[in-house]
């Protein structure tokens, strides 16, 4: 039977698909194609535009996940102050900790790395390929990729924990 709670869970799942599916698409499809198709500066500028577009989708999806996740917890009668009193509560607490870490990583990635990397690529395009700018951009890109990889792993762990909660 289709209830309001089924729709809330469905919206939660769609938001998770958009959030994690976008990450997987970027990592497994877009990045390999861009690496072969464009020189580094142009690739970085295009990737910055893709990141801005995906950023809108990802923040909407993440917001929906937080709201619908809270609603799902309320529906299940979660006593938030007693999260650590049961196996279910401890699993949920770990999932929430990972969600908090993902939010922090997303903020750092969007407002620190993404902007700096795009700015360096724009400077390189305007001034020509300066080795110092290219080196700094590559350094930031490596750090950004490591952070993105950590975020993806945490998100996959969140999905695993969610599966454990409903199993």
C-alpha atoms as a PDB file:
ATOM      1  CA  UNK A   1       0.000   0.000   0.000  1.00  0.00           C
ATOM      2  CA  UNK A   2       1.312   3.445  -0.923  1.00  0.00           C
ATOM      3  CA  UNK A   3       1.456   5.652   2.154  1.00  0.00           C
ATOM      4  CA  UNK A   4       3.020   8.999   2.922  1.00  0.00           C
ATOM      5  CA  UNK A   5       5.841   7.090   4.641  1.00  0.00           C
ATOM      6  CA  UNK A   6       6.468   4.985   1.554  1.00  0.00           C
ATOM      7  CA  UNK A   7       6.739   8.184  -0.496  1.00  0.00           C
ATOM      8  CA  UNK A   8       9.129   9.714   2.072  1.00  0.00           C
ATOM      9  CA  UNK A   9      11.342   6.616   1.926  1.00  0.00           C
ATOM     10  CA  UNK A  10      11.135   6.639  -1.896  1.00  0.00           C
ATOM     11  CA  UNK A  11      12.215  10.309  -1.997  1.00  0.00           C
ATOM     12  CA  UNK A  12      15.049   9.452   0.426  1.00  0.00           C
ATOM     13  CA  UNK A  13      16.214   6.670  -1.893  1.00  0.00           C
ATOM     14  CA  UNK A  14      15.972   8.879  -5.004  1.00  0.00           C
ATOM     15  CA  UNK A  15      18.075  11.544  -3.287  1.00  0.00           C
ATOM     16  CA  UNK A  16      20.678   8.915  -2.344  1.00  0.00           C
ATOM     17  CA  UNK A  17      20.733   7.698  -5.954  1.00  0.00           C
ATOM     18  CA  UNK A  18      21.274  11.250  -7.232  1.00  0.00           C
ATOM     19  CA  UNK A  19      23.967  11.971  -4.627  1.00  0.00           C
ATOM     20  CA  UNK A  20      26.009   8.786  -4.913  1.00  0.00           C
ATOM     21  CA  UNK A  21      25.171   8.081  -8.552  1.00  0.00           C
ATOM     22  CA  UNK A  22      26.534  11.482  -9.499  1.00  0.00           C
ATOM     23  CA  UNK A  23      29.767  10.768  -7.655  1.00  0.00           C
ATOM     24  CA  UNK A  24      30.161   7.410  -9.344  1.00  0.00           C
ATOM     25  CA  UNK A  25      29.386   8.875 -12.779  1.00  0.00           C
ATOM     26  CA  UNK A  26      31.999  11.593 -12.330  1.00  0.00           C
ATOM     27  CA  UNK A  27      34.636   9.155 -11.092  1.00  0.00           C
ATOM     28  CA  UNK A  28      34.012   6.245 -13.452  1.00  0.00           C
ATOM     29  CA  UNK A  29      32.816   7.965 -16.638  1.00  0.00           C
ATOM     30  CA  UNK A  30      33.444  11.696 -16.809  1.00  0.00           C
ATOM     31  CA  UNK A  31      36.981  11.915 -15.404  1.00  0.00           C
ATOM     32  CA  UNK A  32      38.454   9.186 -17.632  1.00  0.00           C
ATOM     33  CA  UNK A  33      36.873  10.738 -20.737  1.00  0.00           C
ATOM     34  CA  UNK A  34      38.014  14.258 -19.863  1.00  0.00           C
ATOM     35  CA  UNK A  35      41.559  13.074 -19.117  1.00  0.00           C
ATOM     36  CA  UNK A  36      41.871  11.742 -22.667  1.00  0.00           C
ATOM     37  CA  UNK A  37      39.933  14.464 -24.452  1.00  0.00           C
ATOM     38  CA  UNK A  38      41.245  17.770 -23.093  1.00  0.00           C
ATOM     39  CA  UNK A  39      44.482  19.399 -22.019  1.00  0.00           C
ATOM     40  CA  UNK A  40      44.816  19.941 -18.244  1.00  0.00           C
ATOM     41  CA  UNK A  41      43.733  23.596 -18.048  1.00  0.00           C
ATOM     42  CA  UNK A  42      40.688  23.161 -20.288  1.00  0.00           C
ATOM     43  CA  UNK A  43      39.786  19.931 -18.493  1.00  0.00           C
ATOM     44  CA  UNK A  44      39.929  21.693 -15.140  1.00  0.00           C
ATOM     45  CA  UNK A  45      37.736  24.562 -16.355  1.00  0.00           C
ATOM     46  CA  UNK A  46      35.166  22.182 -17.835  1.00  0.00           C
ATOM     47  CA  UNK A  47      35.234  20.059 -14.715  1.00  0.00           C
ATOM     48  CA  UNK A  48      34.662  23.206 -12.616  1.00  0.00           C
ATOM     49  CA  UNK A  49      31.510  23.923 -14.641  1.00  0.00           C
ATOM     50  CA  UNK A  50      30.331  20.333 -14.242  1.00  0.00           C
ATOM     51  CA  UNK A  51      31.096  20.570 -10.527  1.00  0.00           C
ATOM     52  CA  UNK A  52      29.017  23.738 -10.201  1.00  0.00           C
ATOM     53  CA  UNK A  53      26.092  22.076 -11.941  1.00  0.00           C
ATOM     54  CA  UNK A  54      26.427  18.857  -9.952  1.00  0.00           C
ATOM     55  CA  UNK A  55      26.913  20.951  -6.812  1.00  0.00           C
ATOM     56  CA  UNK A  56      23.377  22.305  -7.105  1.00  0.00           C
ATOM     57  CA  UNK A  57      21.960  18.800  -7.528  1.00  0.00           C
ATOM     58  CA  UNK A  58      24.119  17.369  -4.763  1.00  0.00           C
ATOM     59  CA  UNK A  59      23.197  20.036  -2.191  1.00  0.00           C
ATOM     60  CA  UNK A  60      19.506  19.558  -2.988  1.00  0.00           C
ATOM     61  CA  UNK A  61      19.908  15.771  -2.692  1.00  0.00           C
ATOM     62  CA  UNK A  62      21.870  16.059   0.545  1.00  0.00           C
ATOM     63  CA  UNK A  63      19.257  18.396   2.035  1.00  0.00           C
ATOM     64  CA  UNK A  64      16.486  16.000   1.065  1.00  0.00           C
ATOM     65  CA  UNK A  65      18.454  13.106   2.591  1.00  0.00           C
ATOM     66  CA  UNK A  66      18.841  14.925   5.904  1.00  0.00           C
ATOM     67  CA  UNK A  67      15.172  15.928   6.105  1.00  0.00           C
ATOM     68  CA  UNK A  68      13.748  12.579   4.987  1.00  0.00           C
ATOM     69  CA  UNK A  69      16.274  10.718   7.132  1.00  0.00           C
ATOM     70  CA  UNK A  70      15.109  12.652  10.178  1.00  0.00           C
ATOM     71  CA  UNK A  71      11.463  11.977   9.263  1.00  0.00           C
ATOM     72  CA  UNK A  72      12.207   8.262   8.837  1.00  0.00           C
ATOM     73  CA  UNK A  73      13.831   8.230  12.276  1.00  0.00           C
ATOM     74  CA  UNK A  74      10.839   9.973  13.804  1.00  0.00           C
ATOM     75  CA  UNK A  75       8.493   7.507  12.084  1.00  0.00           C
ATOM     76  CA  UNK A  76      10.433   4.601  13.579  1.00  0.00           C
ATOM     77  CA  UNK A  77      10.170   6.206  17.009  1.00  0.00           C
ATOM     78  CA  UNK A  78      13.900   6.762  17.448  1.00  0.00           C
ATOM     79  CA  UNK A  79      14.704   8.077  20.895  1.00  0.00           C
ATOM     80  CA  UNK A  80      17.567  10.315  19.811  1.00  0.00           C
ATOM     81  CA  UNK A  81      18.940  10.623  23.350  1.00  0.00           C
ATOM     82  CA  UNK A  82      19.179   6.807  23.599  1.00  0.00           C
ATOM     83  CA  UNK A  83      20.916   6.074  20.304  1.00  0.00           C
ATOM     84  CA  UNK A  84      23.720   4.091  21.911  1.00  0.00           C
ATOM     85  CA  UNK A  85      21.418   1.831  23.950  1.00  0.00           C
ATOM     86  CA  UNK A  86      20.802  -0.791  21.237  1.00  0.00           C
ATOM     87  CA  UNK A  87      22.450  -2.363  18.202  1.00  0.00           C
ATOM     88  CA  UNK A  88      20.002  -0.520  15.957  1.00  0.00           C
ATOM     89  CA  UNK A  89      20.769   2.766  17.692  1.00  0.00           C
ATOM     90  CA  UNK A  90      24.533   2.263  17.493  1.00  0.00           C
ATOM     91  CA  UNK A  91      24.289   1.457  13.780  1.00  0.00           C
ATOM     92  CA  UNK A  92      22.171   4.559  13.233  1.00  0.00           C
ATOM     93  CA  UNK A  93      24.589   6.665  15.307  1.00  0.00           C
ATOM     94  CA  UNK A  94      27.512   5.480  13.168  1.00  0.00           C
ATOM     95  CA  UNK A  95      25.526   6.271  10.024  1.00  0.00           C
ATOM     96  CA  UNK A  96      24.780   9.771  11.355  1.00  0.00           C
ATOM     97  CA  UNK A  97      28.445  10.303  12.225  1.00  0.00           C
ATOM     98  CA  UNK A  98      29.387   9.361   8.657  1.00  0.00           C
ATOM     99  CA  UNK A  99      26.689  11.714   7.316  1.00  0.00           C
ATOM    100  CA  UNK A 100      28.142  14.555   9.396  1.00  0.00           C
ATOM    101  CA  UNK A 101      31.632  13.794   8.051  1.00  0.00           C
ATOM    102  CA  UNK A 102      30.307  13.736   4.480  1.00  0.00           C
ATOM    103  CA  UNK A 103      28.676  17.148   4.994  1.00  0.00           C
ATOM    104  CA  UNK A 104      31.934  18.611   6.327  1.00  0.00           C
ATOM    105  CA  UNK A 105      33.891  17.101   3.429  1.00  0.00           C
ATOM    106  CA  UNK A 106      31.351  18.457   0.925  1.00  0.00           C
ATOM    107  CA  UNK A 107      31.629  21.940   2.408  1.00  0.00           C
ATOM    108  CA  UNK A 108      35.438  21.887   2.359  1.00  0.00           C
ATOM    109  CA  UNK A 109      35.478  20.490  -1.154  1.00  0.00           C
ATOM    110  CA  UNK A 110      32.982  23.010  -2.530  1.00  0.00           C
ATOM    111  CA  UNK A 111      34.152  26.148  -0.794  1.00  0.00           C
ATOM    112  CA  UNK A 112      37.888  25.561  -0.580  1.00  0.00           C
ATOM    113  CA  UNK A 113      39.227  23.137  -3.169  1.00  0.00           C
ATOM    114  CA  UNK A 114      36.753  23.659  -5.993  1.00  0.00           C
ATOM    115  CA  UNK A 115      37.062  27.429  -5.986  1.00  0.00           C
ATOM    116  CA  UNK A 116      40.855  27.477  -5.691  1.00  0.00           C
ATOM    117  CA  UNK A 117      41.387  24.888  -8.413  1.00  0.00           C
ATOM    118  CA  UNK A 118      39.049  26.746 -10.800  1.00  0.00           C
ATOM    119  CA  UNK A 119      40.754  30.069 -10.037  1.00  0.00           C
ATOM    120  CA  UNK A 120      44.193  28.584 -10.755  1.00  0.00           C
ATOM    121  CA  UNK A 121      42.966  27.156 -14.067  1.00  0.00           C
ATOM    122  CA  UNK A 122      41.479  30.525 -15.054  1.00  0.00           C
ATOM    123  CA  UNK A 123      44.782  32.240 -14.223  1.00  0.00           C
ATOM    124  CA  UNK A 124      46.678  29.642 -16.266  1.00  0.00           C
ATOM    125  CA  UNK A 125      44.394  30.201 -19.235  1.00  0.00           C
ATOM    126  CA  UNK A 126      44.777  33.982 -18.987  1.00  0.00           C
ATOM    127  CA  UNK A 127      48.552  34.035 -18.411  1.00  0.00           C
ATOM    128  CA  UNK A 128      49.616  30.937 -20.273  1.00  0.00           C
ATOM    129  CA  UNK A 129      50.801  27.738 -18.719  1.00  0.00           C
ATOM    130  CA  UNK A 130      52.870  28.850 -15.740  1.00  0.00           C
ATOM    131  CA  UNK A 131      54.666  25.819 -14.212  1.00  0.00           C
ATOM    132  CA  UNK A 132      54.138  27.141 -10.671  1.00  0.00           C
ATOM    133  CA  UNK A 133      50.381  27.525 -11.227  1.00  0.00           C
ATOM    134  CA  UNK A 134      50.173  24.096 -12.819  1.00  0.00           C
ATOM    135  CA  UNK A 135      52.056  22.514  -9.920  1.00  0.00           C
ATOM    136  CA  UNK A 136      49.819  24.185  -7.347  1.00  0.00           C
ATOM    137  CA  UNK A 137      46.699  23.155  -9.280  1.00  0.00           C
ATOM    138  CA  UNK A 138      47.902  19.534  -9.465  1.00  0.00           C
ATOM    139  CA  UNK A 139      48.650  19.554  -5.719  1.00  0.00           C
ATOM    140  CA  UNK A 140      45.174  20.839  -4.905  1.00  0.00           C
ATOM    141  CA  UNK A 141      43.599  18.403  -7.370  1.00  0.00           C
ATOM    142  CA  UNK A 142      45.347  15.447  -5.689  1.00  0.00           C
ATOM    143  CA  UNK A 143      44.093  16.601  -2.303  1.00  0.00           C
ATOM    144  CA  UNK A 144      40.627  17.154  -3.747  1.00  0.00           C
ATOM    145  CA  UNK A 145      40.580  13.669  -5.276  1.00  0.00           C
ATOM    146  CA  UNK A 146      41.658  12.123  -1.968  1.00  0.00           C
ATOM    147  CA  UNK A 147      38.859  13.992  -0.192  1.00  0.00           C
ATOM    148  CA  UNK A 148      36.359  12.958  -2.872  1.00  0.00           C
ATOM    149  CA  UNK A 149      37.484   9.342  -2.554  1.00  0.00           C
ATOM    150  CA  UNK A 150      37.021   9.472   1.214  1.00  0.00           C
ATOM    151  CA  UNK A 151      33.581  10.988   0.728  1.00  0.00           C
ATOM    152  CA  UNK A 152      32.597   8.256  -1.722  1.00  0.00           C
ATOM    153  CA  UNK A 153      33.792   5.532   0.669  1.00  0.00           C
ATOM    154  CA  UNK A 154      31.869   7.114   3.543  1.00  0.00           C
ATOM    155  CA  UNK A 155      28.762   7.351   1.363  1.00  0.00           C
ATOM    156  CA  UNK A 156      29.021   3.705   0.375  1.00  0.00           C
ATOM    157  CA  UNK A 157      29.404   2.827   4.064  1.00  0.00           C
ATOM    158  CA  UNK A 158      26.292   4.911   4.799  1.00  0.00           C
ATOM    159  CA  UNK A 159      24.336   2.883   2.229  1.00  0.00           C
ATOM    160  CA  UNK A 160      25.626  -0.354   3.800  1.00  0.00           C
ATOM    161  CA  UNK A 161      24.597   0.846   7.263  1.00  0.00           C
ATOM    162  CA  UNK A 162      21.177   1.841   5.894  1.00  0.00           C
ATOM    163  CA  UNK A 163      20.767  -1.649   4.484  1.00  0.00           C
ATOM    164  CA  UNK A 164      21.717  -3.086   7.882  1.00  0.00           C
ATOM    165  CA  UNK A 165      19.081  -0.904   9.562  1.00  0.00           C
ATOM    166  CA  UNK A 166      16.236  -2.194   7.397  1.00  0.00           C
ATOM    167  CA  UNK A 167      17.420  -5.819   7.245  1.00  0.00           C
END
